[in-house]
N, C-alpha and C. Protein backbone atom coordinates (compact mmCIF):
# COMPACT_ATOMS: atom_id res chain seq x y z
N UNK A 1 -48.31 93.66 69.14
CA UNK A 1 -47.21 93.91 68.22
C UNK A 1 -46.04 93.02 68.60
N UNK A 2 -45.38 92.49 67.61
CA UNK A 2 -44.36 91.51 67.89
C UNK A 2 -43.00 92.12 68.21
N UNK A 3 -42.64 93.26 67.62
CA UNK A 3 -41.36 93.88 67.92
C UNK A 3 -41.56 95.35 68.20
N UNK A 4 -40.56 95.94 68.80
CA UNK A 4 -40.67 97.36 69.12
C UNK A 4 -40.56 98.24 67.88
N UNK A 5 -40.14 97.65 66.74
CA UNK A 5 -39.99 98.43 65.52
C UNK A 5 -41.12 98.22 64.52
N UNK A 6 -42.10 97.39 64.88
CA UNK A 6 -43.18 97.16 63.93
C UNK A 6 -44.14 98.35 63.94
N UNK A 7 -44.79 98.52 62.83
CA UNK A 7 -45.74 99.63 62.68
C UNK A 7 -47.08 99.20 63.23
N UNK A 8 -47.65 99.98 64.16
CA UNK A 8 -48.93 99.59 64.74
C UNK A 8 -50.05 99.60 63.70
N UNK A 9 -50.94 98.63 63.83
CA UNK A 9 -52.05 98.49 62.89
C UNK A 9 -53.37 98.87 63.56
N UNK A 10 -54.41 98.92 62.75
CA UNK A 10 -55.75 99.16 63.26
C UNK A 10 -56.13 98.08 64.26
N UNK A 11 -55.75 96.82 63.98
CA UNK A 11 -56.00 95.71 64.91
C UNK A 11 -55.33 95.95 66.26
N UNK A 12 -54.10 96.45 66.23
CA UNK A 12 -53.37 96.72 67.48
C UNK A 12 -54.11 97.76 68.32
N UNK A 13 -54.59 98.80 67.67
CA UNK A 13 -55.33 99.86 68.37
C UNK A 13 -56.60 99.27 68.96
N UNK A 14 -57.33 98.48 68.18
CA UNK A 14 -58.57 97.87 68.65
C UNK A 14 -58.32 97.00 69.88
N UNK A 15 -57.27 96.17 69.82
CA UNK A 15 -56.92 95.31 70.98
C UNK A 15 -56.59 96.16 72.20
N UNK A 16 -55.76 97.18 72.00
CA UNK A 16 -55.33 98.02 73.13
C UNK A 16 -56.52 98.77 73.75
N UNK A 17 -57.49 99.17 72.92
CA UNK A 17 -58.64 99.93 73.43
C UNK A 17 -59.77 99.01 73.87
N UNK A 18 -59.69 97.71 73.52
CA UNK A 18 -60.74 96.77 73.87
C UNK A 18 -62.03 96.98 73.08
N UNK A 19 -61.86 97.37 71.80
CA UNK A 19 -63.02 97.60 70.93
C UNK A 19 -62.77 96.90 69.60
N UNK A 20 -63.76 96.96 68.71
CA UNK A 20 -63.61 96.36 67.38
C UNK A 20 -62.84 97.30 66.46
N UNK A 21 -62.33 96.73 65.36
CA UNK A 21 -61.65 97.58 64.38
C UNK A 21 -62.64 98.56 63.74
N UNK A 22 -63.89 98.15 63.62
CA UNK A 22 -64.91 99.06 63.07
C UNK A 22 -65.08 100.28 63.98
N UNK A 23 -65.03 100.07 65.29
CA UNK A 23 -65.15 101.19 66.23
C UNK A 23 -63.95 102.12 66.11
N UNK A 24 -62.75 101.54 65.98
CA UNK A 24 -61.56 102.37 65.80
C UNK A 24 -61.70 103.20 64.52
N UNK A 25 -62.11 102.56 63.45
CA UNK A 25 -62.29 103.26 62.18
C UNK A 25 -63.32 104.38 62.31
N UNK A 26 -64.42 104.10 62.99
CA UNK A 26 -65.45 105.11 63.20
C UNK A 26 -64.90 106.29 64.01
N UNK A 27 -64.11 106.00 65.02
CA UNK A 27 -63.52 107.07 65.84
C UNK A 27 -62.61 107.98 65.01
N UNK A 28 -61.85 107.35 64.11
CA UNK A 28 -60.89 108.11 63.32
C UNK A 28 -61.55 108.87 62.17
N UNK A 29 -62.65 108.34 61.66
CA UNK A 29 -63.28 108.95 60.48
C UNK A 29 -64.53 109.75 60.79
N UNK A 30 -65.24 109.41 61.84
CA UNK A 30 -66.48 110.10 62.19
C UNK A 30 -66.64 110.05 63.71
N UNK A 31 -65.71 110.67 64.41
CA UNK A 31 -65.65 110.61 65.87
C UNK A 31 -66.92 111.02 66.58
N UNK A 32 -67.72 111.87 65.96
CA UNK A 32 -68.94 112.33 66.61
C UNK A 32 -70.00 111.22 66.67
N UNK A 33 -69.77 110.11 65.99
CA UNK A 33 -70.74 109.01 65.99
C UNK A 33 -70.38 107.93 67.02
N UNK A 34 -69.41 108.24 67.87
CA UNK A 34 -68.95 107.30 68.90
C UNK A 34 -69.04 108.02 70.25
N UNK A 35 -69.44 107.27 71.28
CA UNK A 35 -69.56 107.88 72.61
C UNK A 35 -68.21 108.43 73.06
N UNK A 36 -68.25 109.48 73.86
CA UNK A 36 -67.01 110.12 74.32
C UNK A 36 -66.10 109.15 75.07
N UNK A 37 -66.61 108.34 76.02
CA UNK A 37 -65.71 107.42 76.72
C UNK A 37 -65.01 106.44 75.75
N UNK A 38 -65.75 105.93 74.78
CA UNK A 38 -65.15 105.00 73.81
C UNK A 38 -64.13 105.72 72.95
N UNK A 39 -64.51 106.91 72.47
CA UNK A 39 -63.59 107.70 71.65
C UNK A 39 -62.32 108.01 72.43
N UNK A 40 -62.45 108.36 73.71
CA UNK A 40 -61.27 108.67 74.53
C UNK A 40 -60.36 107.45 74.65
N UNK A 41 -60.95 106.25 74.87
CA UNK A 41 -60.15 105.02 74.97
C UNK A 41 -59.39 104.76 73.67
N UNK A 42 -60.09 104.91 72.57
CA UNK A 42 -59.47 104.66 71.27
C UNK A 42 -58.35 105.67 71.02
N UNK A 43 -58.61 106.92 71.26
CA UNK A 43 -57.61 107.95 70.99
C UNK A 43 -56.40 107.82 71.91
N UNK A 44 -56.61 107.34 73.13
CA UNK A 44 -55.48 107.07 74.03
C UNK A 44 -54.63 105.93 73.46
N UNK A 45 -55.27 104.90 72.93
CA UNK A 45 -54.54 103.78 72.32
C UNK A 45 -53.79 104.24 71.08
N UNK A 46 -54.44 105.08 70.26
CA UNK A 46 -53.79 105.63 69.07
C UNK A 46 -52.52 106.37 69.47
N UNK A 47 -52.64 107.22 70.47
CA UNK A 47 -51.49 108.02 70.93
C UNK A 47 -50.40 107.13 71.53
N UNK A 48 -50.79 106.20 72.38
CA UNK A 48 -49.82 105.33 73.05
C UNK A 48 -49.04 104.47 72.05
N UNK A 49 -49.73 103.99 71.02
CA UNK A 49 -49.08 103.13 70.03
C UNK A 49 -48.38 103.91 68.93
N UNK A 50 -48.70 105.20 68.80
CA UNK A 50 -48.15 105.99 67.71
C UNK A 50 -48.75 105.59 66.38
N UNK A 51 -50.03 105.20 66.41
CA UNK A 51 -50.70 104.75 65.20
C UNK A 51 -51.03 105.90 64.27
N UNK A 52 -50.78 105.69 62.99
CA UNK A 52 -51.26 106.60 61.95
C UNK A 52 -51.94 105.74 60.90
N UNK A 53 -53.08 106.20 60.37
CA UNK A 53 -53.79 105.41 59.37
C UNK A 53 -52.92 105.14 58.15
N UNK A 54 -53.12 103.98 57.54
CA UNK A 54 -52.42 103.61 56.33
C UNK A 54 -53.03 104.37 55.16
N UNK A 55 -52.27 105.28 54.61
CA UNK A 55 -52.77 106.14 53.54
C UNK A 55 -53.27 105.32 52.36
N UNK A 56 -52.50 104.34 51.93
CA UNK A 56 -52.89 103.55 50.76
C UNK A 56 -54.18 102.78 50.99
N UNK A 57 -54.32 102.18 52.16
CA UNK A 57 -55.54 101.43 52.46
C UNK A 57 -56.74 102.37 52.50
N UNK A 58 -56.56 103.51 53.12
CA UNK A 58 -57.65 104.48 53.21
C UNK A 58 -58.05 105.00 51.83
N UNK A 59 -57.05 105.29 51.00
CA UNK A 59 -57.33 105.80 49.65
C UNK A 59 -58.04 104.74 48.82
N UNK A 60 -57.61 103.48 48.95
CA UNK A 60 -58.26 102.41 48.19
C UNK A 60 -59.71 102.25 48.62
N UNK A 61 -59.95 102.27 49.92
CA UNK A 61 -61.31 102.09 50.43
C UNK A 61 -62.22 103.24 50.00
N UNK A 62 -61.69 104.45 50.06
CA UNK A 62 -62.50 105.63 49.73
C UNK A 62 -62.48 105.96 48.24
N UNK A 63 -61.52 105.37 47.54
CA UNK A 63 -61.28 105.71 46.13
C UNK A 63 -60.99 107.19 45.97
N UNK A 64 -60.39 107.77 47.01
CA UNK A 64 -60.00 109.18 47.01
C UNK A 64 -58.67 109.29 47.74
N UNK A 65 -57.80 110.14 47.27
CA UNK A 65 -56.54 110.36 47.96
C UNK A 65 -56.49 111.71 48.66
N UNK A 66 -57.39 112.61 48.29
CA UNK A 66 -57.37 113.98 48.81
C UNK A 66 -56.00 114.62 48.61
N UNK A 67 -55.45 114.36 47.43
CA UNK A 67 -54.14 114.89 47.07
C UNK A 67 -54.24 115.62 45.74
N UNK A 68 -53.65 116.79 45.68
CA UNK A 68 -53.57 117.59 44.46
C UNK A 68 -52.08 117.77 44.15
N UNK A 69 -51.74 117.66 42.90
CA UNK A 69 -50.36 117.85 42.48
C UNK A 69 -50.18 119.23 41.88
N UNK A 70 -48.99 119.76 42.03
CA UNK A 70 -48.63 121.03 41.40
C UNK A 70 -47.24 120.90 40.83
N UNK A 71 -47.07 121.37 39.62
CA UNK A 71 -45.74 121.36 39.00
C UNK A 71 -45.41 122.80 38.64
N UNK A 72 -44.33 123.26 39.22
CA UNK A 72 -43.87 124.62 38.95
C UNK A 72 -42.58 124.54 38.14
N UNK A 73 -42.25 125.59 37.39
CA UNK A 73 -41.05 125.52 36.57
C UNK A 73 -39.75 125.58 37.36
N UNK A 74 -39.77 126.25 38.52
CA UNK A 74 -38.56 126.36 39.32
C UNK A 74 -38.91 126.66 40.77
N UNK A 75 -38.06 126.24 41.66
CA UNK A 75 -38.24 126.56 43.08
C UNK A 75 -37.40 127.78 43.46
N UNK A 76 -36.68 128.32 42.49
CA UNK A 76 -35.80 129.45 42.76
C UNK A 76 -36.52 130.79 42.71
N UNK A 77 -37.73 130.84 42.15
CA UNK A 77 -38.46 132.09 42.03
C UNK A 77 -39.48 132.17 43.17
N UNK A 78 -39.34 133.18 44.01
CA UNK A 78 -40.19 133.32 45.20
C UNK A 78 -41.67 133.47 44.86
N UNK A 79 -41.99 133.95 43.67
CA UNK A 79 -43.40 134.13 43.32
C UNK A 79 -44.12 132.78 43.31
N UNK A 80 -43.44 131.74 42.86
CA UNK A 80 -44.06 130.41 42.86
C UNK A 80 -44.23 129.90 44.29
N UNK A 81 -43.26 130.16 45.14
CA UNK A 81 -43.35 129.74 46.54
C UNK A 81 -44.53 130.41 47.23
N UNK A 82 -44.70 131.71 47.02
CA UNK A 82 -45.82 132.42 47.65
C UNK A 82 -47.15 131.90 47.12
N UNK A 83 -47.23 131.67 45.82
CA UNK A 83 -48.46 131.14 45.23
C UNK A 83 -48.79 129.75 45.75
N UNK A 84 -47.77 128.90 45.83
CA UNK A 84 -47.99 127.54 46.35
C UNK A 84 -48.39 127.55 47.82
N UNK A 85 -47.84 128.48 48.58
CA UNK A 85 -48.21 128.58 50.00
C UNK A 85 -49.70 128.89 50.14
N UNK A 86 -50.18 129.84 49.37
CA UNK A 86 -51.60 130.19 49.42
C UNK A 86 -52.46 129.01 48.94
N UNK A 87 -52.02 128.35 47.88
CA UNK A 87 -52.74 127.19 47.34
C UNK A 87 -52.79 126.08 48.39
N UNK A 88 -51.65 125.80 49.02
CA UNK A 88 -51.57 124.77 50.05
C UNK A 88 -52.50 125.08 51.22
N UNK A 89 -52.54 126.31 51.65
CA UNK A 89 -53.40 126.69 52.78
C UNK A 89 -54.87 126.49 52.44
N UNK A 90 -55.26 126.86 51.23
CA UNK A 90 -56.65 126.68 50.82
C UNK A 90 -56.98 125.19 50.70
N UNK A 91 -56.07 124.42 50.11
CA UNK A 91 -56.30 122.97 50.02
C UNK A 91 -56.45 122.36 51.41
N UNK A 92 -55.58 122.74 52.33
CA UNK A 92 -55.63 122.21 53.70
C UNK A 92 -56.97 122.50 54.34
N UNK A 93 -57.48 123.70 54.13
CA UNK A 93 -58.78 124.08 54.69
C UNK A 93 -59.91 123.19 54.16
N UNK A 94 -59.69 122.56 53.01
CA UNK A 94 -60.69 121.70 52.41
C UNK A 94 -60.33 120.22 52.52
N UNK A 95 -59.33 119.89 53.37
CA UNK A 95 -58.98 118.50 53.62
C UNK A 95 -58.09 117.85 52.57
N UNK A 96 -57.37 118.65 51.81
CA UNK A 96 -56.49 118.11 50.77
C UNK A 96 -55.03 118.35 51.10
N UNK A 97 -54.18 117.51 50.53
CA UNK A 97 -52.73 117.65 50.64
C UNK A 97 -52.19 118.05 49.28
N UNK A 98 -51.01 118.66 49.29
CA UNK A 98 -50.38 119.12 48.07
C UNK A 98 -49.04 118.41 47.87
N UNK A 99 -48.84 117.85 46.67
CA UNK A 99 -47.55 117.32 46.26
C UNK A 99 -46.99 118.26 45.21
N UNK A 100 -45.74 118.67 45.37
CA UNK A 100 -45.14 119.66 44.48
C UNK A 100 -43.92 119.07 43.78
N UNK A 101 -43.81 119.36 42.48
CA UNK A 101 -42.64 119.00 41.69
C UNK A 101 -42.16 120.25 40.97
N UNK A 102 -40.91 120.22 40.55
CA UNK A 102 -40.34 121.33 39.78
C UNK A 102 -39.79 120.77 38.48
N UNK A 103 -40.19 121.36 37.37
CA UNK A 103 -39.81 120.83 36.06
C UNK A 103 -38.53 121.42 35.49
N UNK A 104 -37.95 122.40 36.14
CA UNK A 104 -36.72 123.05 35.67
C UNK A 104 -36.92 123.60 34.24
N UNK A 105 -38.14 124.02 33.94
CA UNK A 105 -38.50 124.56 32.63
C UNK A 105 -38.30 123.54 31.50
N UNK A 106 -38.34 122.25 31.83
CA UNK A 106 -38.14 121.20 30.83
C UNK A 106 -39.47 120.49 30.56
N UNK A 107 -40.06 120.70 29.40
CA UNK A 107 -41.37 120.11 29.09
C UNK A 107 -41.39 118.58 29.22
N UNK A 108 -40.31 117.91 28.83
CA UNK A 108 -40.30 116.44 28.92
C UNK A 108 -40.30 115.99 30.38
N UNK A 109 -39.64 116.75 31.25
CA UNK A 109 -39.64 116.43 32.68
C UNK A 109 -41.02 116.71 33.26
N UNK A 110 -41.64 117.82 32.86
CA UNK A 110 -42.98 118.12 33.35
C UNK A 110 -43.95 117.00 32.96
N UNK A 111 -43.89 116.51 31.73
CA UNK A 111 -44.78 115.43 31.28
C UNK A 111 -44.56 114.17 32.13
N UNK A 112 -43.32 113.87 32.43
CA UNK A 112 -42.99 112.72 33.28
C UNK A 112 -43.56 112.91 34.69
N UNK A 113 -43.43 114.12 35.23
CA UNK A 113 -43.93 114.42 36.56
C UNK A 113 -45.45 114.36 36.61
N UNK A 114 -46.10 114.80 35.55
CA UNK A 114 -47.56 114.71 35.48
C UNK A 114 -47.98 113.25 35.60
N UNK A 115 -47.34 112.37 34.83
CA UNK A 115 -47.67 110.94 34.89
C UNK A 115 -47.40 110.38 36.28
N UNK A 116 -46.30 110.78 36.89
CA UNK A 116 -45.96 110.28 38.23
C UNK A 116 -46.97 110.75 39.28
N UNK A 117 -47.38 112.00 39.21
CA UNK A 117 -48.36 112.50 40.18
C UNK A 117 -49.71 111.80 40.01
N UNK A 118 -50.11 111.60 38.77
CA UNK A 118 -51.37 110.88 38.51
C UNK A 118 -51.26 109.45 39.02
N UNK A 119 -50.12 108.80 38.78
CA UNK A 119 -49.91 107.43 39.25
C UNK A 119 -49.96 107.34 40.77
N UNK A 120 -49.58 108.41 41.44
CA UNK A 120 -49.60 108.44 42.91
C UNK A 120 -50.95 108.90 43.46
N UNK A 121 -51.91 109.07 42.58
CA UNK A 121 -53.27 109.34 43.02
C UNK A 121 -53.69 110.79 43.07
N UNK A 122 -52.92 111.69 42.45
CA UNK A 122 -53.34 113.10 42.42
C UNK A 122 -54.71 113.20 41.77
N UNK A 123 -55.63 113.83 42.45
CA UNK A 123 -57.00 113.97 41.95
C UNK A 123 -57.16 115.19 41.06
N UNK A 124 -56.18 116.04 41.02
CA UNK A 124 -56.20 117.23 40.19
C UNK A 124 -54.79 117.79 40.12
N UNK A 125 -54.56 118.66 39.15
CA UNK A 125 -53.22 119.24 38.99
C UNK A 125 -53.29 120.75 38.80
N UNK A 126 -52.30 121.43 39.34
CA UNK A 126 -52.07 122.84 39.07
C UNK A 126 -50.81 122.89 38.21
N UNK A 127 -50.95 123.47 37.02
CA UNK A 127 -49.82 123.59 36.11
C UNK A 127 -49.61 125.06 35.79
N UNK A 128 -48.38 125.42 35.52
CA UNK A 128 -48.04 126.81 35.24
C UNK A 128 -48.05 127.02 33.73
N UNK A 129 -48.85 127.99 33.29
CA UNK A 129 -48.93 128.29 31.87
C UNK A 129 -49.72 127.25 31.10
N UNK A 130 -49.91 127.49 29.83
CA UNK A 130 -50.72 126.59 29.03
C UNK A 130 -49.92 125.93 27.91
N UNK A 131 -48.67 126.29 27.72
CA UNK A 131 -47.85 125.76 26.63
C UNK A 131 -47.31 124.37 26.99
N UNK A 132 -47.93 123.34 26.41
CA UNK A 132 -47.42 121.98 26.54
C UNK A 132 -47.97 121.15 25.40
N UNK A 133 -47.37 120.02 25.18
CA UNK A 133 -47.78 119.13 24.08
C UNK A 133 -49.24 118.72 24.23
N UNK A 134 -49.92 118.59 23.09
CA UNK A 134 -51.30 118.14 23.08
C UNK A 134 -51.42 116.75 23.74
N UNK A 135 -50.41 115.91 23.55
CA UNK A 135 -50.42 114.56 24.13
C UNK A 135 -50.55 114.61 25.65
N UNK A 136 -49.98 115.62 26.29
CA UNK A 136 -50.09 115.76 27.75
C UNK A 136 -51.54 116.03 28.13
N UNK A 137 -52.17 116.96 27.43
CA UNK A 137 -53.57 117.26 27.72
C UNK A 137 -54.47 116.07 27.39
N UNK A 138 -54.16 115.36 26.32
CA UNK A 138 -54.93 114.16 25.98
C UNK A 138 -54.83 113.12 27.09
N UNK A 139 -53.63 112.94 27.64
CA UNK A 139 -53.42 112.00 28.74
C UNK A 139 -54.29 112.38 29.94
N UNK A 140 -54.27 113.66 30.30
CA UNK A 140 -55.05 114.13 31.45
C UNK A 140 -56.55 113.96 31.19
N UNK A 141 -56.98 114.23 29.99
CA UNK A 141 -58.40 114.08 29.64
C UNK A 141 -58.82 112.60 29.73
N UNK A 142 -58.00 111.70 29.21
CA UNK A 142 -58.31 110.27 29.28
C UNK A 142 -58.42 109.79 30.72
N UNK A 143 -57.61 110.34 31.58
CA UNK A 143 -57.61 109.95 32.99
C UNK A 143 -58.68 110.69 33.81
N UNK A 144 -59.29 111.72 33.23
CA UNK A 144 -60.30 112.49 33.94
C UNK A 144 -59.73 113.34 35.05
N UNK A 145 -58.51 113.84 34.87
CA UNK A 145 -57.84 114.65 35.89
C UNK A 145 -58.12 116.12 35.65
N UNK A 146 -58.85 116.78 36.56
CA UNK A 146 -59.07 118.22 36.42
C UNK A 146 -57.74 118.97 36.52
N UNK A 147 -57.61 120.00 35.71
CA UNK A 147 -56.36 120.75 35.66
C UNK A 147 -56.66 122.24 35.73
N UNK A 148 -55.94 122.94 36.57
CA UNK A 148 -56.02 124.40 36.66
C UNK A 148 -54.71 124.95 36.12
N UNK A 149 -54.79 125.81 35.14
CA UNK A 149 -53.61 126.46 34.59
C UNK A 149 -53.47 127.81 35.29
N UNK A 150 -52.29 128.08 35.81
CA UNK A 150 -52.07 129.30 36.58
C UNK A 150 -50.97 130.16 35.96
N UNK A 151 -50.94 131.38 36.37
CA UNK A 151 -49.98 132.38 35.94
C UNK A 151 -50.16 132.75 34.47
N UNK A 152 -51.25 132.29 33.88
CA UNK A 152 -51.57 132.67 32.50
C UNK A 152 -53.06 132.48 32.31
N UNK A 153 -53.66 133.39 31.58
CA UNK A 153 -55.09 133.30 31.33
C UNK A 153 -55.35 133.51 29.84
N UNK A 154 -56.18 132.63 29.31
CA UNK A 154 -56.64 132.82 27.92
C UNK A 154 -58.11 132.45 27.87
N UNK A 155 -58.92 133.38 27.43
CA UNK A 155 -60.36 133.14 27.39
C UNK A 155 -60.74 132.15 26.30
N UNK A 156 -59.86 131.91 25.33
CA UNK A 156 -60.18 131.00 24.24
C UNK A 156 -59.83 129.54 24.56
N UNK A 157 -59.34 129.27 25.75
CA UNK A 157 -59.01 127.89 26.14
C UNK A 157 -60.21 127.24 26.82
N UNK A 158 -60.35 125.94 26.63
CA UNK A 158 -61.44 125.22 27.29
C UNK A 158 -61.05 124.80 28.70
N UNK A 159 -59.80 124.99 29.07
CA UNK A 159 -59.33 124.61 30.41
C UNK A 159 -59.46 125.78 31.39
N UNK A 160 -59.67 125.43 32.64
CA UNK A 160 -59.72 126.46 33.69
C UNK A 160 -58.35 127.11 33.81
N UNK A 161 -58.36 128.42 33.92
CA UNK A 161 -57.09 129.11 34.09
C UNK A 161 -57.30 130.35 34.94
N UNK A 162 -56.24 130.74 35.59
CA UNK A 162 -56.25 131.95 36.39
C UNK A 162 -54.88 132.59 36.25
N UNK A 163 -54.87 133.88 36.01
CA UNK A 163 -53.58 134.54 35.84
C UNK A 163 -53.71 135.76 34.98
N UNK A 164 -52.76 135.96 34.11
CA UNK A 164 -52.65 137.17 33.32
C UNK A 164 -52.89 136.85 31.85
N UNK A 165 -53.60 137.72 31.17
CA UNK A 165 -53.78 137.58 29.73
C UNK A 165 -52.75 138.50 29.08
N UNK A 166 -51.55 137.95 28.89
CA UNK A 166 -50.45 138.75 28.35
C UNK A 166 -50.73 139.24 26.93
N UNK A 167 -51.42 138.44 26.13
CA UNK A 167 -51.73 138.85 24.76
C UNK A 167 -52.66 140.06 24.76
N UNK A 168 -53.71 140.02 25.58
CA UNK A 168 -54.63 141.16 25.65
C UNK A 168 -53.92 142.40 26.19
N UNK A 169 -53.04 142.20 27.16
CA UNK A 169 -52.29 143.33 27.72
C UNK A 169 -51.40 143.96 26.65
N UNK A 170 -50.76 143.14 25.83
CA UNK A 170 -49.89 143.69 24.77
C UNK A 170 -50.73 144.42 23.73
N UNK A 171 -51.92 143.90 23.41
CA UNK A 171 -52.80 144.58 22.44
C UNK A 171 -53.18 145.96 22.97
N UNK A 172 -53.48 146.03 24.26
CA UNK A 172 -53.86 147.31 24.86
C UNK A 172 -52.69 148.29 24.82
N UNK A 173 -51.48 147.80 24.99
CA UNK A 173 -50.30 148.66 24.94
C UNK A 173 -50.13 149.24 23.56
């Protein structure tokens, strides 16, 4: 590394550990396929250099970001925070990260956030409720983005949803 402020690369780790970049990559992605002494050398170099994998490079190579987006109407309501916490924990258990946005109950802002999350590589979205412009759903369908609608359930929708069927509840009342 040329300066103390430069970001360590995979090459830097390989040089420090005295192995190839392929070995470093194998240690980071499939550590059980590398001998313990080699893995220990590589991991010591990773720690000493403060190396973290380049997310963009990894996502491009794998064609996966392991990121799910969620857009909630507000961060002021604790029910959304509790729901997102449970969602985040489940995603983490499956190797995914969560990006969260708040639309402030503004459909035009939500549509903008949906496009931004998709542009940043969100592989799926959690949206609150089902009321949004058809153009938003058309955009998601064209992009092949799976969507889960939460806090509302309608059996007549073709989209996955989980929540409450307020219409059926009112009919029962």
